[in-house]
Amino acid sequence: METERGFCMKDDDQLSDQLDRVIDGLQEVKKLNERLSFIAKQLNILQLNYLVQNLTSPRTVIWLNFLGGLSRGLGLTLGTAIILGILAYLAGKFINLPVIGKYISDLIDWINTYRSYR
C-alpha cells in the first residue's frame, strides 16, 4: 500500500489522528486562555489585585486593622455622646428637673459626708 510519497496509508492515518489530537489540544488551550482573560478582566474590575498586594504584608494588615478599630471606636463614642445628649435634652423638656435635682443634691451630700469622715 505505498503511495507516491513513500508512506503507507496506515502511517497517514496515524499522522492524521495525531494532528487531530494536537488541534483539539490547541482549541482547548485557546478556550482556557479566553477564560483566564475573562477572569483577569473581572479581577481588575473588582480591584482584587489591590487587596492581594496590600493584605499579604503583615505591616499593612496591622496598620489597616488599627485604623479601622480607631475609627470604629471614635464613631461609637461620638454616636453615643450625640444620642445621650439628645435624650438628656428631651428628658429636660418632659421631666420635672427639680425632682432629679433633689436626687443629685442628696448624692452630693452623701459624697461630702463620706469625705468628711476620712
N, C-alpha and C. Protein backbone atom coordinates (compact mmCIF):
# COMPACT_ATOMS: atom_id res chain seq x y z
N MET A 1 0.81 -1.18 0.00
CA MET A 1 0.00 0.00 0.00
C MET A 1 0.86 1.26 0.00
N GLU A 2 1.74 1.34 -0.84
CA GLU A 2 2.60 2.50 -0.99
C GLU A 2 1.88 3.59 -1.75
N THR A 3 2.09 4.80 -1.33
CA THR A 3 1.58 5.95 -2.09
C THR A 3 2.74 6.55 -2.85
N GLU A 4 2.49 7.58 -3.62
CA GLU A 4 3.57 8.17 -4.39
C GLU A 4 4.60 8.87 -3.52
N ARG A 5 4.29 9.16 -2.29
CA ARG A 5 5.25 9.80 -1.41
C ARG A 5 6.09 8.79 -0.66
N GLY A 6 5.73 7.57 -0.65
CA GLY A 6 6.52 6.55 0.00
C GLY A 6 6.03 6.17 1.38
N PHE A 7 4.86 6.66 1.79
CA PHE A 7 4.30 6.31 3.10
C PHE A 7 3.18 5.32 2.93
N CYS A 8 2.95 4.54 3.95
CA CYS A 8 1.80 3.64 3.96
C CYS A 8 0.58 4.44 4.36
N MET A 9 -0.55 3.96 3.97
CA MET A 9 -1.81 4.59 4.37
C MET A 9 -1.97 4.53 5.88
N LYS A 10 -1.43 3.48 6.45
CA LYS A 10 -1.52 3.34 7.89
C LYS A 10 -0.78 4.49 8.57
N ASP A 11 0.39 4.85 8.07
CA ASP A 11 1.15 5.96 8.64
C ASP A 11 0.40 7.28 8.45
N ASP A 12 -0.26 7.44 7.29
CA ASP A 12 -1.04 8.66 7.06
C ASP A 12 -2.20 8.77 8.04
N ASP A 13 -2.84 7.66 8.34
CA ASP A 13 -3.94 7.66 9.30
C ASP A 13 -3.45 8.01 10.70
N GLN A 14 -2.30 7.47 11.06
CA GLN A 14 -1.74 7.77 12.38
C GLN A 14 -1.38 9.26 12.48
N LEU A 15 -0.74 9.77 11.43
CA LEU A 15 -0.40 11.19 11.43
C LEU A 15 -1.64 12.07 11.47
N SER A 16 -2.66 11.65 10.77
CA SER A 16 -3.91 12.41 10.76
C SER A 16 -4.55 12.40 12.15
N ASP A 17 -4.52 11.24 12.83
CA ASP A 17 -5.06 11.15 14.18
C ASP A 17 -4.26 12.02 15.15
N GLN A 18 -2.93 11.98 15.03
CA GLN A 18 -2.10 12.80 15.90
C GLN A 18 -2.34 14.28 15.65
N LEU A 19 -2.47 14.65 14.39
CA LEU A 19 -2.74 16.04 14.04
C LEU A 19 -4.09 16.48 14.60
N ASP A 20 -5.09 15.62 14.52
CA ASP A 20 -6.40 15.95 15.08
C ASP A 20 -6.32 16.15 16.60
N ARG A 21 -5.55 15.31 17.29
CA ARG A 21 -5.40 15.45 18.74
C ARG A 21 -4.68 16.75 19.09
N VAL A 22 -3.66 17.09 18.31
CA VAL A 22 -2.94 18.34 18.56
C VAL A 22 -3.86 19.53 18.34
N ILE A 23 -4.67 19.50 17.28
CA ILE A 23 -5.61 20.59 17.01
C ILE A 23 -6.64 20.69 18.13
N ASP A 24 -7.15 19.55 18.60
CA ASP A 24 -8.10 19.57 19.72
C ASP A 24 -7.44 20.16 20.97
N GLY A 25 -6.21 19.79 21.23
CA GLY A 25 -5.49 20.34 22.38
C GLY A 25 -5.30 21.84 22.26
N LEU A 26 -4.98 22.30 21.06
CA LEU A 26 -4.80 23.74 20.85
C LEU A 26 -6.12 24.49 21.04
N GLN A 27 -7.21 23.89 20.60
CA GLN A 27 -8.51 24.53 20.79
C GLN A 27 -8.86 24.61 22.28
N GLU A 28 -8.51 23.57 23.00
CA GLU A 28 -8.78 23.58 24.45
C GLU A 28 -7.92 24.64 25.14
N VAL A 29 -6.67 24.76 24.73
CA VAL A 29 -5.80 25.79 25.28
C VAL A 29 -6.34 27.17 24.96
N LYS A 30 -6.87 27.36 23.75
CA LYS A 30 -7.46 28.64 23.37
C LYS A 30 -8.65 28.98 24.26
N LYS A 31 -9.51 27.98 24.54
CA LYS A 31 -10.64 28.20 25.43
C LYS A 31 -10.19 28.57 26.83
N LEU A 32 -9.16 27.89 27.34
CA LEU A 32 -8.64 28.20 28.67
C LEU A 32 -8.06 29.60 28.71
N ASN A 33 -7.37 30.00 27.66
CA ASN A 33 -6.83 31.37 27.61
C ASN A 33 -7.96 32.40 27.62
N GLU A 34 -9.04 32.12 26.92
CA GLU A 34 -10.17 33.04 26.92
C GLU A 34 -10.79 33.14 28.31
N ARG A 35 -10.89 32.00 29.00
CA ARG A 35 -11.43 32.01 30.36
C ARG A 35 -10.52 32.81 31.30
N LEU A 36 -9.21 32.59 31.18
CA LEU A 36 -8.28 33.32 32.02
C LEU A 36 -8.34 34.82 31.74
N SER A 37 -8.49 35.19 30.49
CA SER A 37 -8.62 36.61 30.15
C SER A 37 -9.87 37.20 30.78
N PHE A 38 -10.96 36.45 30.74
CA PHE A 38 -12.21 36.91 31.35
C PHE A 38 -12.04 37.08 32.86
N ILE A 39 -11.41 36.11 33.50
CA ILE A 39 -11.19 36.19 34.94
C ILE A 39 -10.29 37.37 35.28
N ALA A 40 -9.25 37.60 34.47
CA ALA A 40 -8.36 38.74 34.72
C ALA A 40 -9.10 40.06 34.59
N LYS A 41 -9.98 40.16 33.62
CA LYS A 41 -10.78 41.38 33.46
C LYS A 41 -11.69 41.58 34.67
N GLN A 42 -12.31 40.50 35.14
CA GLN A 42 -13.20 40.61 36.30
C GLN A 42 -12.42 41.01 37.56
N LEU A 43 -11.21 40.45 37.72
CA LEU A 43 -10.39 40.82 38.87
C LEU A 43 -9.99 42.28 38.81
N ASN A 44 -9.70 42.77 37.64
CA ASN A 44 -9.37 44.19 37.51
C ASN A 44 -10.58 45.05 37.82
N ILE A 45 -11.74 44.60 37.44
CA ILE A 45 -12.95 45.35 37.75
C ILE A 45 -13.16 45.39 39.26
N LEU A 46 -12.98 44.28 39.92
CA LEU A 46 -13.19 44.22 41.37
C LEU A 46 -12.01 44.77 42.16
N GLN A 47 -10.92 45.02 41.49
CA GLN A 47 -9.69 45.53 42.09
C GLN A 47 -9.20 44.63 43.21
N LEU A 48 -9.32 43.33 43.00
CA LEU A 48 -8.82 42.39 43.99
C LEU A 48 -7.31 42.34 44.00
N ASN A 49 -6.70 42.76 42.89
CA ASN A 49 -5.24 42.77 42.88
C ASN A 49 -4.71 43.74 43.94
N TYR A 50 -5.41 44.83 44.17
CA TYR A 50 -5.02 45.78 45.23
C TYR A 50 -5.08 45.09 46.60
N LEU A 51 -6.18 44.36 46.84
CA LEU A 51 -6.33 43.69 48.12
C LEU A 51 -5.26 42.63 48.32
N VAL A 52 -4.98 41.87 47.27
CA VAL A 52 -3.99 40.80 47.39
C VAL A 52 -2.61 41.39 47.66
N GLN A 53 -2.26 42.48 46.98
CA GLN A 53 -0.95 43.09 47.18
C GLN A 53 -0.83 43.71 48.56
N ASN A 54 -1.88 44.35 49.05
CA ASN A 54 -1.78 45.06 50.31
C ASN A 54 -2.05 44.19 51.52
N LEU A 55 -2.83 43.15 51.38
CA LEU A 55 -3.15 42.33 52.55
C LEU A 55 -2.20 41.16 52.73
N THR A 56 -1.19 41.05 51.89
CA THR A 56 -0.20 39.99 52.09
C THR A 56 0.95 40.47 52.97
N SER A 57 1.05 41.78 53.18
CA SER A 57 2.09 42.34 54.04
C SER A 57 1.55 42.45 55.47
N PRO A 58 2.18 41.81 56.45
CA PRO A 58 1.68 41.88 57.83
C PRO A 58 1.63 43.31 58.36
N ARG A 59 2.60 44.13 58.02
CA ARG A 59 2.63 45.50 58.50
C ARG A 59 1.40 46.26 58.00
N THR A 60 1.05 46.06 56.73
CA THR A 60 -0.12 46.74 56.16
C THR A 60 -1.40 46.26 56.82
N VAL A 61 -1.49 44.97 57.06
CA VAL A 61 -2.70 44.41 57.69
C VAL A 61 -2.86 44.97 59.10
N ILE A 62 -1.77 45.03 59.85
CA ILE A 62 -1.84 45.56 61.21
C ILE A 62 -2.25 47.03 61.19
N TRP A 63 -1.66 47.80 60.29
CA TRP A 63 -1.96 49.23 60.21
C TRP A 63 -3.42 49.46 59.83
N LEU A 64 -3.91 48.70 58.84
CA LEU A 64 -5.30 48.86 58.41
C LEU A 64 -6.27 48.46 59.52
N ASN A 65 -5.95 47.40 60.25
CA ASN A 65 -6.81 46.99 61.36
C ASN A 65 -6.78 48.01 62.49
N PHE A 66 -5.63 48.61 62.74
CA PHE A 66 -5.54 49.64 63.77
C PHE A 66 -6.40 50.84 63.40
N LEU A 67 -6.27 51.30 62.16
CA LEU A 67 -7.06 52.45 61.72
C LEU A 67 -8.56 52.14 61.73
N GLY A 68 -8.91 50.93 61.33
CA GLY A 68 -10.32 50.54 61.36
C GLY A 68 -10.87 50.51 62.77
N GLY A 69 -10.11 49.97 63.72
CA GLY A 69 -10.55 49.95 65.11
C GLY A 69 -10.64 51.34 65.71
N LEU A 70 -9.68 52.18 65.35
CA LEU A 70 -9.69 53.55 65.84
C LEU A 70 -10.91 54.31 65.34
N SER A 71 -11.21 54.14 64.07
CA SER A 71 -12.38 54.85 63.52
C SER A 71 -13.68 54.30 64.08
N ARG A 72 -13.75 53.00 64.30
CA ARG A 72 -14.96 52.43 64.91
C ARG A 72 -15.16 52.94 66.34
N GLY A 73 -14.07 52.96 67.10
CA GLY A 73 -14.16 53.45 68.48
C GLY A 73 -14.55 54.91 68.53
N LEU A 74 -13.96 55.71 67.66
CA LEU A 74 -14.30 57.13 67.63
C LEU A 74 -15.75 57.34 67.20
N GLY A 75 -16.18 56.59 66.21
CA GLY A 75 -17.57 56.70 65.75
C GLY A 75 -18.56 56.27 66.82
N LEU A 76 -18.22 55.19 67.52
CA LEU A 76 -19.10 54.73 68.59
C LEU A 76 -19.19 55.75 69.72
N THR A 77 -18.06 56.34 70.07
CA THR A 77 -18.04 57.33 71.14
C THR A 77 -18.85 58.57 70.76
N LEU A 78 -18.60 59.08 69.57
CA LEU A 78 -19.33 60.27 69.13
C LEU A 78 -20.82 59.99 68.98
N GLY A 79 -21.16 58.85 68.43
CA GLY A 79 -22.56 58.49 68.27
C GLY A 79 -23.28 58.37 69.61
N THR A 80 -22.61 57.73 70.56
CA THR A 80 -23.20 57.59 71.89
C THR A 80 -23.38 58.95 72.55
N ALA A 81 -22.38 59.82 72.43
CA ALA A 81 -22.48 61.16 73.04
C ALA A 81 -23.64 61.95 72.42
N ILE A 82 -23.79 61.86 71.12
CA ILE A 82 -24.88 62.59 70.45
C ILE A 82 -26.23 62.06 70.89
N ILE A 83 -26.39 60.75 70.91
CA ILE A 83 -27.67 60.15 71.32
C ILE A 83 -27.99 60.49 72.78
N LEU A 84 -26.99 60.37 73.66
CA LEU A 84 -27.25 60.69 75.07
C LEU A 84 -27.55 62.18 75.25
N GLY A 85 -26.89 63.03 74.48
CA GLY A 85 -27.19 64.46 74.55
C GLY A 85 -28.61 64.76 74.12
N ILE A 86 -29.06 64.11 73.05
CA ILE A 86 -30.44 64.30 72.58
C ILE A 86 -31.43 63.79 73.63
N LEU A 87 -31.14 62.62 74.21
CA LEU A 87 -32.03 62.07 75.24
C LEU A 87 -32.07 62.96 76.48
N ALA A 88 -30.93 63.51 76.87
CA ALA A 88 -30.92 64.41 78.03
C ALA A 88 -31.70 65.68 77.74
N TYR A 89 -31.58 66.20 76.53
CA TYR A 89 -32.33 67.39 76.15
C TYR A 89 -33.83 67.12 76.19
N LEU A 90 -34.23 65.98 75.61
CA LEU A 90 -35.65 65.63 75.61
C LEU A 90 -36.15 65.36 77.04
N ALA A 91 -35.31 64.72 77.85
CA ALA A 91 -35.71 64.45 79.23
C ALA A 91 -35.88 65.75 79.99
N GLY A 92 -35.02 66.73 79.71
CA GLY A 92 -35.13 68.02 80.37
C GLY A 92 -36.40 68.75 79.98
N LYS A 93 -36.89 68.51 78.80
CA LYS A 93 -38.12 69.16 78.35
C LYS A 93 -39.37 68.51 78.95
N PHE A 94 -39.31 67.20 79.20
CA PHE A 94 -40.52 66.48 79.60
C PHE A 94 -40.55 66.08 81.08
N ILE A 95 -39.40 66.03 81.73
CA ILE A 95 -39.36 65.57 83.12
C ILE A 95 -39.11 66.78 84.02
N ASN A 96 -39.74 66.74 85.17
CA ASN A 96 -39.59 67.81 86.14
C ASN A 96 -38.17 67.75 86.71
N LEU A 97 -37.34 68.72 86.40
CA LEU A 97 -35.95 68.70 86.82
C LEU A 97 -35.73 68.90 88.32
N PRO A 98 -36.58 69.62 89.05
CA PRO A 98 -36.33 69.71 90.50
C PRO A 98 -36.32 68.36 91.18
N VAL A 99 -37.07 67.41 90.70
CA VAL A 99 -37.05 66.07 91.30
C VAL A 99 -35.69 65.44 91.09
N ILE A 100 -35.17 65.54 89.87
CA ILE A 100 -33.85 64.98 89.58
C ILE A 100 -32.79 65.76 90.36
N GLY A 101 -32.96 67.08 90.45
CA GLY A 101 -32.01 67.92 91.19
C GLY A 101 -31.94 67.53 92.65
N LYS A 102 -33.08 67.14 93.25
CA LYS A 102 -33.09 66.72 94.65
C LYS A 102 -32.26 65.45 94.84
N TYR A 103 -32.39 64.48 93.90
CA TYR A 103 -31.61 63.25 93.98
C TYR A 103 -30.12 63.54 93.82
N ILE A 104 -29.78 64.44 92.93
CA ILE A 104 -28.38 64.78 92.72
C ILE A 104 -27.81 65.49 93.95
N SER A 105 -28.60 66.39 94.56
CA SER A 105 -28.10 67.09 95.77
C SER A 105 -27.93 66.10 96.92
N ASP A 106 -28.82 65.13 97.05
CA ASP A 106 -28.67 64.09 98.08
C ASP A 106 -27.39 63.29 97.84
N LEU A 107 -27.12 62.96 96.61
CA LEU A 107 -25.92 62.21 96.25
C LEU A 107 -24.66 63.01 96.59
N ILE A 108 -24.67 64.30 96.28
CA ILE A 108 -23.53 65.16 96.59
C ILE A 108 -23.35 65.27 98.11
N ASP A 109 -24.45 65.35 98.87
CA ASP A 109 -24.35 65.40 100.34
C ASP A 109 -23.73 64.12 100.88
N TRP A 110 -24.13 62.96 100.35
CA TRP A 110 -23.56 61.70 100.80
C TRP A 110 -22.06 61.65 100.50
N ILE A 111 -21.67 62.13 99.34
CA ILE A 111 -20.25 62.12 98.97
C ILE A 111 -19.47 63.04 99.91
N ASN A 112 -20.02 64.22 100.18
CA ASN A 112 -19.33 65.16 101.08
C ASN A 112 -19.24 64.61 102.51
N THR A 113 -20.28 63.93 102.96
CA THR A 113 -20.27 63.32 104.29
C THR A 113 -19.19 62.25 104.37
N TYR A 114 -19.08 61.44 103.33
CA TYR A 114 -18.07 60.39 103.28
C TYR A 114 -16.68 61.01 103.32
N ARG A 115 -16.47 62.09 102.58
CA ARG A 115 -15.16 62.75 102.54
C ARG A 115 -14.82 63.37 103.91
N SER A 116 -15.80 63.86 104.63
CA SER A 116 -15.52 64.48 105.91
C SER A 116 -15.09 63.46 106.96
N TYR A 117 -15.52 62.21 106.83
CA TYR A 117 -15.13 61.18 107.79
C TYR A 117 -13.73 60.66 107.50
N ARG A 118 -13.20 60.89 106.35
CA ARG A 118 -11.86 60.41 106.03
C ARG A 118 -10.87 61.28 106.59
